[in-house]
Amino acid sequence: MNRWPNMRRLALILATLVLAASTGNVRADESVLVFAAASTRDAMEDAIGAFANPRVKGVYAASSALARQILDGAPAALFLSANTAWMDEVDKAGLLTKRADFLRNRLVLI
């Protein structure tokens, strides 16, 4: 049973975003790096797997660590941050082509 019922939709969104973000910026022999908050790892790995392109690689860590890497020149094609303040920092540095809110995290206590 697929634990992510909207995986095809997420994979399509991922594919669209990666292609839009990497158009003209990535050589044919380079990986397309998706920097994503660690909390999105499971969903993103499933989406990247469904996308089925071996060039697309996920890089997972805290949003702050990923933002610092991007600010230091890391070649991220897509940045999924769980922290708007860090996304603001990357945006202020002029490193975003486009910004959109399309995923949300939530904490569930059981």
Foldseek 3Di string as FASTA:
>chain_A
DDPDVCLVVVLVVVVVQQCVLCVVPDDPPAAAEAEEEQVCVVSVVSSVVVVPDVSYDYDYYALQVVLVVVVVPDRHSHYHHQDVVSVVVCVVVVNDPDDDDDDHDDDDDD
